[in-house]
Amino acid sequence: QQQAWGAAWGQVGYDESVEEATIKAGLHLNVPNAPGSAFRLVGWYATGPNRYNTAGINGFFSGEWSVYAGYQHAFNPQLKAFLGAQYY
């Protein structure tokens, strides 16, 4: 659940059909005194190909591990800019 400072989450999935697992974790940090602006960091690791490690359509961006970082800046309620990068 989102708090005033942001949020943190985690997920573990096990695909019995291929006996592989994926672990995901994320952190969302709100920027003080900048409503709607936030930093986000997400990472995951998969033991092998399975239904939980696909990041794109039909697993196009799937891999063993990935790290994503992004920043969203809200200039006002109607205008926001976003910059992010992912390594996989």
N, C-alpha and C. Protein backbone atom coordinates (compact mmCIF):
# COMPACT_ATOMS: atom_id res chain seq x y z
N GLN A 1 0.84 -1.18 0.00
CA GLN A 1 0.00 0.00 0.00
C GLN A 1 0.89 1.24 0.00
N GLN A 2 0.52 2.22 -0.82
CA GLN A 2 1.29 3.46 -0.95
C GLN A 2 1.19 4.27 0.35
N GLN A 3 2.34 4.76 0.79
CA GLN A 3 2.43 5.61 1.98
C GLN A 3 2.84 7.01 1.53
N ALA A 4 2.95 7.95 2.46
CA ALA A 4 3.35 9.31 2.12
C ALA A 4 4.76 9.33 1.51
N TRP A 5 5.64 8.46 1.98
CA TRP A 5 7.02 8.42 1.48
C TRP A 5 7.12 7.66 0.16
N GLY A 6 6.18 6.76 -0.12
CA GLY A 6 6.20 5.94 -1.33
C GLY A 6 5.71 4.54 -1.03
N ALA A 7 6.37 3.55 -1.60
CA ALA A 7 5.95 2.15 -1.42
C ALA A 7 7.11 1.22 -1.74
N ALA A 8 7.02 0.00 -1.22
CA ALA A 8 7.97 -1.07 -1.53
C ALA A 8 7.15 -2.34 -1.74
N TRP A 9 7.62 -3.21 -2.63
CA TRP A 9 6.89 -4.44 -2.89
C TRP A 9 7.84 -5.55 -3.30
N GLY A 10 7.34 -6.75 -3.20
CA GLY A 10 8.11 -7.92 -3.60
C GLY A 10 7.17 -9.00 -4.09
N GLN A 11 7.70 -9.91 -4.89
CA GLN A 11 6.90 -10.99 -5.44
C GLN A 11 7.79 -12.19 -5.71
N VAL A 12 7.28 -13.37 -5.46
CA VAL A 12 7.97 -14.61 -5.79
C VAL A 12 6.99 -15.47 -6.57
N GLY A 13 7.43 -16.00 -7.69
CA GLY A 13 6.58 -16.87 -8.50
C GLY A 13 7.31 -18.15 -8.85
N TYR A 14 6.60 -19.26 -8.83
CA TYR A 14 7.18 -20.55 -9.19
C TYR A 14 6.31 -21.18 -10.28
N ASP A 15 6.92 -21.49 -11.40
CA ASP A 15 6.23 -22.09 -12.53
C ASP A 15 6.47 -23.60 -12.48
N GLU A 16 5.48 -24.35 -12.03
CA GLU A 16 5.61 -25.80 -11.89
C GLU A 16 5.82 -26.50 -13.22
N SER A 17 5.28 -25.94 -14.30
CA SER A 17 5.37 -26.64 -15.59
C SER A 17 6.80 -26.73 -16.10
N VAL A 18 7.67 -25.78 -15.72
CA VAL A 18 9.08 -25.82 -16.15
C VAL A 18 10.03 -25.85 -14.95
N GLU A 19 9.48 -25.90 -13.74
CA GLU A 19 10.24 -25.95 -12.49
C GLU A 19 11.28 -24.83 -12.40
N GLU A 20 10.83 -23.60 -12.66
CA GLU A 20 11.67 -22.41 -12.58
C GLU A 20 10.95 -21.35 -11.75
N ALA A 21 11.71 -20.41 -11.18
CA ALA A 21 11.14 -19.39 -10.31
C ALA A 21 11.64 -18.00 -10.70
N THR A 22 10.91 -16.99 -10.25
CA THR A 22 11.28 -15.59 -10.46
C THR A 22 11.04 -14.83 -9.16
N ILE A 23 11.97 -13.93 -8.84
CA ILE A 23 11.85 -13.05 -7.67
C ILE A 23 11.88 -11.62 -8.18
N LYS A 24 10.91 -10.80 -7.74
CA LYS A 24 10.83 -9.39 -8.15
C LYS A 24 10.74 -8.52 -6.90
N ALA A 25 11.33 -7.32 -6.97
CA ALA A 25 11.25 -6.36 -5.87
C ALA A 25 11.26 -4.96 -6.45
N GLY A 26 10.60 -4.03 -5.76
CA GLY A 26 10.55 -2.67 -6.25
C GLY A 26 10.45 -1.66 -5.12
N LEU A 27 10.86 -0.44 -5.44
CA LEU A 27 10.83 0.67 -4.50
C LEU A 27 10.36 1.90 -5.25
N HIS A 28 9.37 2.59 -4.70
CA HIS A 28 8.81 3.82 -5.26
C HIS A 28 8.96 4.90 -4.19
N LEU A 29 9.75 5.93 -4.49
CA LEU A 29 10.00 7.00 -3.51
C LEU A 29 9.42 8.32 -4.01
N ASN A 30 8.46 8.85 -3.29
CA ASN A 30 7.89 10.15 -3.63
C ASN A 30 8.90 11.25 -3.34
N VAL A 31 8.92 12.28 -4.17
CA VAL A 31 9.83 13.41 -3.98
C VAL A 31 9.15 14.41 -3.05
N PRO A 32 9.78 14.72 -1.90
CA PRO A 32 9.18 15.69 -0.98
C PRO A 32 8.97 17.05 -1.65
N ASN A 33 7.90 17.70 -1.34
CA ASN A 33 7.56 19.04 -1.85
C ASN A 33 7.40 19.08 -3.37
N ALA A 34 7.16 17.94 -4.00
CA ALA A 34 6.91 17.88 -5.45
C ALA A 34 5.81 16.86 -5.71
N PRO A 35 4.55 17.19 -5.42
CA PRO A 35 3.45 16.24 -5.59
C PRO A 35 3.41 15.65 -7.00
N GLY A 36 3.30 14.34 -7.06
CA GLY A 36 3.25 13.63 -8.34
C GLY A 36 4.61 13.25 -8.89
N SER A 37 5.70 13.69 -8.26
CA SER A 37 7.05 13.36 -8.72
C SER A 37 7.60 12.21 -7.88
N ALA A 38 8.33 11.28 -8.54
CA ALA A 38 8.81 10.11 -7.81
C ALA A 38 9.96 9.43 -8.54
N PHE A 39 10.78 8.72 -7.77
CA PHE A 39 11.81 7.82 -8.28
C PHE A 39 11.29 6.40 -8.15
N ARG A 40 11.67 5.53 -9.09
CA ARG A 40 11.25 4.14 -9.01
C ARG A 40 12.43 3.24 -9.38
N LEU A 41 12.60 2.18 -8.61
CA LEU A 41 13.65 1.19 -8.85
C LEU A 41 13.01 -0.19 -8.76
N VAL A 42 13.20 -1.00 -9.80
CA VAL A 42 12.60 -2.34 -9.85
C VAL A 42 13.66 -3.33 -10.35
N GLY A 43 13.71 -4.50 -9.74
CA GLY A 43 14.64 -5.52 -10.19
C GLY A 43 14.00 -6.90 -10.12
N TRP A 44 14.48 -7.81 -10.95
CA TRP A 44 14.02 -9.18 -10.86
C TRP A 44 15.10 -10.15 -11.31
N TYR A 45 14.97 -11.37 -10.84
CA TYR A 45 15.88 -12.46 -11.18
C TYR A 45 15.05 -13.71 -11.45
N ALA A 46 15.38 -14.41 -12.52
CA ALA A 46 14.68 -15.65 -12.86
C ALA A 46 15.69 -16.79 -12.96
N THR A 47 15.33 -17.95 -12.43
CA THR A 47 16.24 -19.09 -12.49
C THR A 47 16.29 -19.68 -13.89
N GLY A 48 15.30 -19.36 -14.72
CA GLY A 48 15.25 -19.84 -16.09
C GLY A 48 13.96 -19.36 -16.74
N PRO A 49 13.76 -19.65 -18.02
CA PRO A 49 12.54 -19.21 -18.70
C PRO A 49 11.29 -19.75 -18.01
N ASN A 50 10.37 -18.85 -17.70
CA ASN A 50 9.09 -19.26 -17.11
C ASN A 50 8.08 -18.15 -17.31
N ARG A 51 6.85 -18.40 -16.94
CA ARG A 51 5.77 -17.45 -17.19
C ARG A 51 5.88 -16.17 -16.38
N TYR A 52 6.75 -16.10 -15.37
CA TYR A 52 6.84 -14.92 -14.51
C TYR A 52 7.98 -13.97 -14.87
N ASN A 53 8.86 -14.32 -15.79
CA ASN A 53 9.98 -13.44 -16.08
C ASN A 53 9.88 -12.73 -17.42
N THR A 54 8.72 -12.70 -18.02
CA THR A 54 8.55 -11.99 -19.28
C THR A 54 8.19 -10.54 -18.99
N ALA A 55 8.88 -9.63 -19.65
CA ALA A 55 8.65 -8.19 -19.45
C ALA A 55 8.00 -7.56 -20.66
N GLY A 56 7.84 -8.28 -21.73
CA GLY A 56 7.26 -7.71 -22.94
C GLY A 56 6.28 -8.69 -23.57
N ILE A 57 5.82 -8.34 -24.73
CA ILE A 57 4.87 -9.18 -25.44
C ILE A 57 5.54 -10.49 -25.82
N ASN A 58 4.95 -11.59 -25.43
CA ASN A 58 5.47 -12.93 -25.71
C ASN A 58 6.92 -13.12 -25.25
N GLY A 59 7.31 -12.44 -24.16
CA GLY A 59 8.64 -12.62 -23.63
C GLY A 59 9.73 -11.95 -24.44
N PHE A 60 9.40 -10.97 -25.27
CA PHE A 60 10.38 -10.32 -26.13
C PHE A 60 11.56 -9.75 -25.34
N PHE A 61 11.31 -9.21 -24.14
CA PHE A 61 12.37 -8.64 -23.32
C PHE A 61 12.77 -9.55 -22.17
N SER A 62 12.48 -10.83 -22.24
CA SER A 62 12.77 -11.71 -21.12
C SER A 62 14.27 -11.98 -21.02
N GLY A 63 14.73 -12.24 -19.83
CA GLY A 63 16.13 -12.53 -19.58
C GLY A 63 16.26 -13.13 -18.19
N GLU A 64 17.49 -13.41 -17.78
CA GLU A 64 17.71 -14.01 -16.46
C GLU A 64 17.51 -12.99 -15.34
N TRP A 65 17.93 -11.72 -15.57
CA TRP A 65 17.75 -10.70 -14.54
C TRP A 65 17.62 -9.34 -15.21
N SER A 66 17.10 -8.38 -14.48
CA SER A 66 16.90 -7.03 -15.01
C SER A 66 16.84 -6.03 -13.86
N VAL A 67 17.30 -4.80 -14.15
CA VAL A 67 17.18 -3.69 -13.21
C VAL A 67 16.61 -2.51 -13.98
N TYR A 68 15.62 -1.86 -13.40
CA TYR A 68 14.98 -0.70 -14.02
C TYR A 68 15.02 0.47 -13.04
N ALA A 69 15.31 1.68 -13.53
CA ALA A 69 15.25 2.89 -12.72
C ALA A 69 14.55 3.97 -13.53
N GLY A 70 13.73 4.76 -12.87
CA GLY A 70 13.01 5.81 -13.57
C GLY A 70 12.68 6.98 -12.65
N TYR A 71 12.42 8.11 -13.27
CA TYR A 71 12.02 9.32 -12.54
C TYR A 71 10.85 9.95 -13.27
N GLN A 72 9.82 10.32 -12.54
CA GLN A 72 8.67 11.04 -13.08
C GLN A 72 8.60 12.39 -12.40
N HIS A 73 8.54 13.45 -13.19
CA HIS A 73 8.42 14.79 -12.63
C HIS A 73 7.08 15.37 -13.05
N ALA A 74 6.31 15.86 -12.07
CA ALA A 74 5.02 16.48 -12.34
C ALA A 74 5.20 18.00 -12.30
N PHE A 75 5.09 18.62 -13.46
CA PHE A 75 5.18 20.08 -13.53
C PHE A 75 3.90 20.70 -12.99
N ASN A 76 2.78 20.04 -13.29
CA ASN A 76 1.47 20.41 -12.73
C ASN A 76 0.58 19.18 -12.92
N PRO A 77 -0.66 19.20 -12.45
CA PRO A 77 -1.50 17.98 -12.57
C PRO A 77 -1.74 17.52 -14.01
N GLN A 78 -1.62 18.42 -14.99
CA GLN A 78 -1.88 18.05 -16.37
C GLN A 78 -0.61 17.70 -17.16
N LEU A 79 0.58 18.07 -16.67
CA LEU A 79 1.81 17.86 -17.43
C LEU A 79 2.86 17.14 -16.58
N LYS A 80 3.26 15.95 -17.05
CA LYS A 80 4.29 15.15 -16.38
C LYS A 80 5.31 14.69 -17.42
N ALA A 81 6.57 14.58 -16.98
CA ALA A 81 7.63 14.05 -17.84
C ALA A 81 8.22 12.83 -17.14
N PHE A 82 8.66 11.86 -17.94
CA PHE A 82 9.16 10.61 -17.38
C PHE A 82 10.43 10.22 -18.12
N LEU A 83 11.43 9.79 -17.34
CA LEU A 83 12.68 9.31 -17.90
C LEU A 83 13.04 8.01 -17.18
N GLY A 84 13.33 6.97 -17.94
CA GLY A 84 13.65 5.68 -17.33
C GLY A 84 14.64 4.90 -18.18
N ALA A 85 15.30 3.95 -17.55
CA ALA A 85 16.24 3.08 -18.24
C ALA A 85 16.17 1.70 -17.62
N GLN A 86 16.40 0.69 -18.46
CA GLN A 86 16.38 -0.69 -17.99
C GLN A 86 17.58 -1.43 -18.55
N TYR A 87 18.20 -2.24 -17.71
CA TYR A 87 19.29 -3.10 -18.13
C TYR A 87 18.85 -4.54 -17.93
N TYR A 88 18.99 -5.35 -18.97
CA TYR A 88 18.63 -6.76 -18.84
C TYR A 88 19.55 -7.60 -19.67
